Amino acid sequence: MSGSITHSNNSTNLADILERVLDKGIVIAGDIKIQLADIDLLNIKIRLLVASVDKAMEMGINWWQQDPYLSTQAKGTELEKENTELKQRLERLEARIGVEPPPAQE
């Protein structure tokens, strides 16, 4: 026998690992608790989920759809709500001071 070294051909590259993790999802959980004389000074619960958007939706996780910083649809809804509130406020102010509102535009 010679002193040669054999290598495994079954190596998995990073792209395969990432694809598998995103497809299945992975949860990392941990708790940190600092106590002094049986008194909790600090209690931190860490929960991390790494998954694809499709997998998250499949699990019922879709918080980013309602976040105005991440979704243009949520941002539009937020702007429409703010616009309606401002129009109502302006109408009340105009009614108070006796100014006729301009005719509605179509």
Protein backbone atom coordinates (compact mmCIF):
# COMPACT_ATOMS: atom_id res chain seq x y z
CA MET A 1 0.00 0.00 0.00
CA SER A 2 1.22 3.43 -0.84
CA GLY A 3 1.03 6.41 1.51
CA SER A 4 -1.50 8.31 -0.63
CA ILE A 5 -4.40 10.18 0.90
CA THR A 6 -7.88 9.68 -0.51
CA HIS A 7 -10.51 12.41 -0.45
CA SER A 8 -14.25 12.02 -0.35
CA ASN A 9 -16.08 12.96 -3.54
CA ASN A 10 -19.36 13.43 -1.65
CA SER A 11 -18.64 16.98 -0.61
CA THR A 12 -21.56 19.39 -0.31
CA ASN A 13 -21.01 22.94 -1.42
CA LEU A 14 -22.41 26.02 0.29
CA ALA A 15 -25.13 26.58 -2.32
CA ASP A 16 -26.55 23.09 -1.69
CA ILE A 17 -26.57 23.64 2.06
CA LEU A 18 -28.25 27.04 1.70
CA GLU A 19 -30.88 25.62 -0.66
CA ARG A 20 -31.62 22.81 1.78
CA VAL A 21 -31.88 25.18 4.77
CA LEU A 22 -34.18 27.62 2.94
CA ASP A 23 -36.34 24.77 1.63
CA LYS A 24 -36.80 23.06 4.99
CA GLY A 25 -36.25 25.98 7.35
CA ILE A 26 -34.15 26.04 10.49
CA VAL A 27 -34.98 27.33 13.96
CA ILE A 28 -32.37 28.50 16.42
CA ALA A 29 -33.62 29.18 19.94
CA GLY A 30 -31.88 30.18 23.12
CA ASP A 31 -32.50 31.79 26.47
CA ILE A 32 -30.19 34.01 28.48
CA LYS A 33 -31.01 34.58 32.12
CA ILE A 34 -28.97 36.58 34.63
CA GLN A 35 -29.94 36.20 38.27
CA LEU A 36 -28.59 37.61 41.49
CA ALA A 37 -29.79 36.03 44.75
CA ASP A 38 -32.79 34.40 42.99
CA ILE A 39 -33.84 37.75 41.48
CA ASP A 40 -34.07 37.91 37.70
CA LEU A 41 -32.00 40.86 36.49
CA LEU A 42 -32.11 40.06 32.79
CA ASN A 43 -34.11 37.56 30.80
CA ILE A 44 -33.62 37.39 27.01
CA LYS A 45 -35.36 34.90 24.73
CA ILE A 46 -33.82 34.57 21.30
CA ARG A 47 -35.76 32.94 18.46
CA LEU A 48 -34.38 32.89 14.93
CA LEU A 49 -36.07 31.34 11.93
CA VAL A 50 -34.22 31.02 8.65
CA ALA A 51 -36.40 29.92 5.75
CA SER A 52 -37.45 30.92 2.25
CA VAL A 53 -40.44 33.23 1.79
CA ASP A 54 -42.43 30.34 0.35
CA LYS A 55 -41.68 28.14 3.36
CA ALA A 56 -42.52 30.97 5.78
CA MET A 57 -45.85 31.59 4.01
CA GLU A 58 -46.54 27.85 4.17
CA MET A 59 -46.00 28.01 7.95
CA GLY A 60 -48.34 31.01 8.26
CA ILE A 61 -45.64 33.63 8.81
CA ASN A 62 -46.24 36.79 6.74
CA TRP A 63 -45.56 39.78 9.01
CA TRP A 64 -43.58 41.58 6.31
CA GLN A 65 -46.73 42.01 4.19
CA GLN A 66 -48.23 44.43 6.75
CA ASP A 67 -44.99 46.30 7.52
CA PRO A 68 -45.04 49.66 5.66
CA TYR A 69 -41.24 49.71 5.54
CA LEU A 70 -41.08 46.39 3.72
CA SER A 71 -44.26 46.27 1.62
CA THR A 72 -45.45 48.76 -0.99
CA GLN A 73 -49.01 47.52 -0.50
CA ALA A 74 -48.89 48.21 3.24
CA LYS A 75 -47.26 51.57 2.57
CA GLY A 76 -50.07 52.51 0.16
CA THR A 77 -52.71 51.56 2.71
CA GLU A 78 -50.96 53.59 5.39
CA LEU A 79 -50.74 56.63 3.10
CA GLU A 80 -54.40 56.34 2.12
CA LYS A 81 -55.41 56.20 5.78
CA GLU A 82 -53.27 59.24 6.61
CA ASN A 83 -54.65 61.14 3.59
CA THR A 84 -58.24 60.44 4.63
CA GLU A 85 -57.55 61.56 8.20
CA LEU A 86 -55.92 64.79 6.99
CA LYS A 87 -58.85 65.55 4.66
CA GLN A 88 -61.33 65.07 7.51
CA ARG A 89 -59.27 67.27 9.79
CA LEU A 90 -59.07 70.00 7.16
CA GLU A 91 -62.84 69.87 6.60
CA ARG A 92 -63.45 70.26 10.35
CA LEU A 93 -61.08 73.24 10.51
CA GLU A 94 -62.69 74.88 7.48
CA ALA A 95 -66.15 74.35 8.99
CA ARG A 96 -64.98 76.00 12.23
CA ILE A 97 -63.73 79.15 10.57
CA GLY A 98 -66.57 79.28 8.06
CA VAL A 99 -64.62 78.70 4.85
CA GLU A 100 -66.40 76.83 2.09
CA PRO A 101 -64.47 73.83 0.87
CA PRO A 102 -63.51 73.84 -2.80
CA PRO A 103 -65.72 71.85 -5.17
CA ALA A 104 -64.89 68.16 -5.39
CA GLN A 105 -62.61 67.23 -8.27
CA GLU A 106 -63.34 64.18 -10.39
